N, C-alpha and C. Protein backbone atom coordinates (compact mmCIF):
# COMPACT_ATOMS: atom_id res chain seq x y z
N MET A 1 0.84 -1.18 0.00
CA MET A 1 0.00 0.00 0.00
C MET A 1 0.89 1.25 0.00
N GLU A 2 0.62 2.15 -0.93
CA GLU A 2 1.39 3.39 -1.01
C GLU A 2 0.69 4.51 -0.26
N TYR A 3 1.51 5.33 0.37
CA TYR A 3 0.98 6.49 1.08
C TYR A 3 1.30 7.74 0.28
N THR A 4 0.36 8.63 0.25
CA THR A 4 0.57 9.91 -0.42
C THR A 4 1.23 10.88 0.55
N VAL A 5 2.18 11.62 0.02
CA VAL A 5 2.85 12.61 0.84
C VAL A 5 2.00 13.88 0.85
N VAL A 6 1.72 14.36 2.02
CA VAL A 6 0.94 15.59 2.16
C VAL A 6 1.87 16.68 2.67
N ASN A 7 1.95 17.76 1.91
CA ASN A 7 2.79 18.89 2.31
C ASN A 7 1.92 20.05 2.75
N PRO A 8 2.34 20.77 3.77
CA PRO A 8 1.54 21.93 4.20
C PRO A 8 1.58 23.03 3.15
N ILE A 9 0.54 23.81 3.12
CA ILE A 9 0.45 24.93 2.18
C ILE A 9 1.28 26.09 2.73
N ASP A 10 2.10 26.67 1.88
CA ASP A 10 2.84 27.87 2.27
C ASP A 10 1.95 29.07 1.97
N ILE A 11 1.35 29.62 2.99
CA ILE A 11 0.38 30.70 2.82
C ILE A 11 1.01 31.94 2.19
N ASN A 12 2.29 32.17 2.45
CA ASN A 12 2.95 33.35 1.86
C ASN A 12 3.06 33.22 0.35
N LYS A 13 3.48 32.05 -0.13
CA LYS A 13 3.57 31.83 -1.58
C LYS A 13 2.19 31.90 -2.21
N ASN A 14 1.21 31.33 -1.53
CA ASN A 14 -0.16 31.34 -2.02
C ASN A 14 -0.68 32.77 -2.13
N LEU A 15 -0.48 33.56 -1.10
CA LEU A 15 -0.94 34.95 -1.09
C LEU A 15 -0.25 35.78 -2.16
N LEU A 16 1.07 35.62 -2.29
CA LEU A 16 1.80 36.37 -3.31
C LEU A 16 1.33 35.99 -4.71
N GLY A 17 0.99 34.72 -4.90
CA GLY A 17 0.46 34.28 -6.19
C GLY A 17 -0.88 34.90 -6.50
N ILE A 18 -1.77 34.92 -5.52
CA ILE A 18 -3.11 35.51 -5.71
C ILE A 18 -2.99 36.99 -6.04
N LEU A 19 -2.21 37.71 -5.25
CA LEU A 19 -2.07 39.15 -5.47
C LEU A 19 -1.31 39.45 -6.77
N GLY A 20 -0.36 38.59 -7.10
CA GLY A 20 0.38 38.76 -8.35
C GLY A 20 -0.52 38.59 -9.56
N ARG A 21 -1.43 37.61 -9.52
CA ARG A 21 -2.37 37.42 -10.62
C ARG A 21 -3.30 38.63 -10.75
N LYS A 22 -3.68 39.20 -9.62
CA LYS A 22 -4.53 40.40 -9.65
C LYS A 22 -3.79 41.55 -10.33
N MET A 23 -2.49 41.71 -10.02
CA MET A 23 -1.69 42.77 -10.64
C MET A 23 -1.51 42.52 -12.13
N ILE A 24 -1.26 41.26 -12.51
CA ILE A 24 -1.07 40.92 -13.92
C ILE A 24 -2.32 41.27 -14.73
N ASN A 25 -3.49 41.07 -14.13
CA ASN A 25 -4.75 41.38 -14.81
C ASN A 25 -5.03 42.88 -14.89
N GLY A 26 -4.14 43.69 -14.35
CA GLY A 26 -4.27 45.14 -14.46
C GLY A 26 -5.06 45.80 -13.35
N ASN A 27 -5.37 45.06 -12.31
CA ASN A 27 -6.12 45.63 -11.19
C ASN A 27 -5.17 46.25 -10.18
N LYS A 28 -5.61 47.34 -9.58
CA LYS A 28 -4.82 48.01 -8.55
C LYS A 28 -5.10 47.33 -7.21
N LEU A 29 -4.05 47.13 -6.43
CA LEU A 29 -4.21 46.52 -5.11
C LEU A 29 -4.72 47.54 -4.11
N THR A 30 -5.55 47.07 -3.19
CA THR A 30 -6.05 47.94 -2.13
C THR A 30 -4.95 48.12 -1.08
N LEU A 31 -5.19 49.02 -0.16
CA LEU A 31 -4.22 49.25 0.92
C LEU A 31 -4.01 47.97 1.73
N ALA A 32 -5.09 47.27 2.03
CA ALA A 32 -4.97 46.02 2.80
C ALA A 32 -4.16 44.99 2.03
N GLU A 33 -4.37 44.90 0.71
CA GLU A 33 -3.61 43.95 -0.10
C GLU A 33 -2.15 44.35 -0.18
N ASP A 34 -1.87 45.66 -0.27
CA ASP A 34 -0.48 46.13 -0.25
C ASP A 34 0.21 45.70 1.04
N LEU A 35 -0.48 45.87 2.15
CA LEU A 35 0.11 45.50 3.44
C LEU A 35 0.29 43.99 3.56
N MET A 36 -0.67 43.22 3.04
CA MET A 36 -0.52 41.75 3.06
C MET A 36 0.66 41.32 2.21
N ALA A 37 0.83 41.96 1.04
CA ALA A 37 1.95 41.63 0.17
C ALA A 37 3.28 41.96 0.83
N LEU A 38 3.36 43.12 1.46
CA LEU A 38 4.59 43.50 2.16
C LEU A 38 4.91 42.52 3.29
N SER A 39 3.90 42.11 4.02
CA SER A 39 4.09 41.18 5.12
C SER A 39 4.54 39.81 4.62
N ALA A 40 3.90 39.32 3.56
CA ALA A 40 4.27 38.02 2.99
C ALA A 40 5.68 38.06 2.42
N TYR A 41 6.02 39.15 1.75
CA TYR A 41 7.35 39.31 1.19
C TYR A 41 8.40 39.32 2.29
N ALA A 42 8.12 40.05 3.36
CA ALA A 42 9.06 40.12 4.49
C ALA A 42 9.24 38.75 5.12
N SER A 43 8.17 38.00 5.23
CA SER A 43 8.25 36.66 5.81
C SER A 43 9.07 35.73 4.91
N MET A 44 8.91 35.86 3.59
CA MET A 44 9.62 35.00 2.65
C MET A 44 11.12 35.30 2.62
N THR A 45 11.48 36.56 2.79
CA THR A 45 12.88 36.95 2.63
C THR A 45 13.59 37.22 3.96
N SER A 46 12.91 37.04 5.07
CA SER A 46 13.51 37.38 6.37
C SER A 46 14.72 36.52 6.70
N HIS A 47 14.77 35.31 6.16
CA HIS A 47 15.91 34.45 6.47
C HIS A 47 17.17 34.86 5.70
N TYR A 48 17.04 35.72 4.69
CA TYR A 48 18.20 36.19 3.94
C TYR A 48 18.93 37.31 4.68
N TYR A 49 18.19 38.22 5.24
CA TYR A 49 18.80 39.37 5.92
C TYR A 49 17.76 40.03 6.81
N GLY A 50 18.22 40.80 7.74
CA GLY A 50 17.32 41.54 8.62
C GLY A 50 16.88 42.84 7.98
N PRO A 51 15.87 43.49 8.52
CA PRO A 51 15.43 44.75 7.93
C PRO A 51 16.44 45.86 8.16
N GLY A 52 16.62 46.67 7.16
CA GLY A 52 17.50 47.82 7.28
C GLY A 52 16.68 49.08 7.44
N PRO A 53 17.34 50.21 7.58
CA PRO A 53 16.60 51.47 7.76
C PRO A 53 15.66 51.79 6.60
N ALA A 54 16.06 51.44 5.38
CA ALA A 54 15.21 51.74 4.22
C ALA A 54 13.91 50.95 4.26
N GLU A 55 13.96 49.73 4.77
CA GLU A 55 12.76 48.90 4.81
C GLU A 55 11.86 49.24 6.00
N MET A 56 12.39 49.92 6.98
CA MET A 56 11.62 50.17 8.19
C MET A 56 10.78 51.44 8.11
N HIS A 57 11.02 52.29 7.12
CA HIS A 57 10.26 53.53 6.98
C HIS A 57 9.51 53.50 5.66
N VAL A 58 8.19 53.54 5.71
CA VAL A 58 7.38 53.56 4.50
C VAL A 58 7.17 55.01 4.10
N LYS A 59 7.67 55.37 2.93
CA LYS A 59 7.53 56.75 2.46
C LYS A 59 6.28 56.91 1.61
N THR A 60 5.96 55.89 0.82
CA THR A 60 4.75 55.92 -0.01
C THR A 60 4.03 54.59 0.16
N LEU A 61 2.85 54.51 -0.38
CA LEU A 61 2.09 53.26 -0.30
C LEU A 61 2.33 52.37 -1.51
N ASP A 62 3.26 52.76 -2.40
CA ASP A 62 3.58 51.94 -3.56
C ASP A 62 4.43 50.76 -3.12
N LEU A 63 4.16 49.60 -3.72
CA LEU A 63 4.95 48.42 -3.41
C LEU A 63 6.33 48.54 -4.04
N PRO A 64 7.36 48.08 -3.36
CA PRO A 64 8.69 48.05 -3.97
C PRO A 64 8.70 47.11 -5.17
N GLU A 65 9.59 47.36 -6.11
CA GLU A 65 9.68 46.53 -7.31
C GLU A 65 10.00 45.08 -6.98
N SER A 66 10.77 44.86 -5.91
CA SER A 66 11.11 43.49 -5.54
C SER A 66 9.87 42.72 -5.09
N VAL A 67 8.94 43.39 -4.42
CA VAL A 67 7.70 42.74 -4.00
C VAL A 67 6.84 42.43 -5.22
N LYS A 68 6.73 43.40 -6.13
CA LYS A 68 5.94 43.19 -7.34
C LYS A 68 6.52 42.04 -8.16
N GLY A 69 7.84 41.99 -8.26
CA GLY A 69 8.49 40.92 -9.02
C GLY A 69 8.23 39.56 -8.42
N LEU A 70 8.29 39.47 -7.10
CA LEU A 70 8.04 38.19 -6.43
C LEU A 70 6.59 37.77 -6.60
N MET A 71 5.66 38.72 -6.55
CA MET A 71 4.24 38.40 -6.73
C MET A 71 3.98 37.89 -8.14
N ILE A 72 4.60 38.51 -9.13
CA ILE A 72 4.42 38.08 -10.51
C ILE A 72 5.05 36.70 -10.72
N GLU A 73 6.19 36.45 -10.07
CA GLU A 73 6.84 35.15 -10.17
C GLU A 73 5.95 34.04 -9.63
N TYR A 74 5.32 34.27 -8.48
CA TYR A 74 4.45 33.25 -7.90
C TYR A 74 3.11 33.14 -8.61
N ALA A 75 2.72 34.19 -9.34
CA ALA A 75 1.45 34.15 -10.07
C ALA A 75 1.56 33.30 -11.33
N GLY A 76 2.78 33.20 -11.88
CA GLY A 76 2.97 32.53 -13.16
C GLY A 76 3.16 31.06 -13.07
């Protein structure tokens, strides 16, 4: 008898994919979606490096290009 391997869902990858598909379709993200994307991105990349001064101060509500790129990558 074979057993199927069950892997947990990575909610961050899932969320970035959903929001990335929304961006690809030309829709603007809401403030809540922007914040969710920033949070998911930070969670995904936190093991690479800690936050620096540039990441700790939000000057505008626009998503950084790195977040948009990661969302598009997971959407595809």
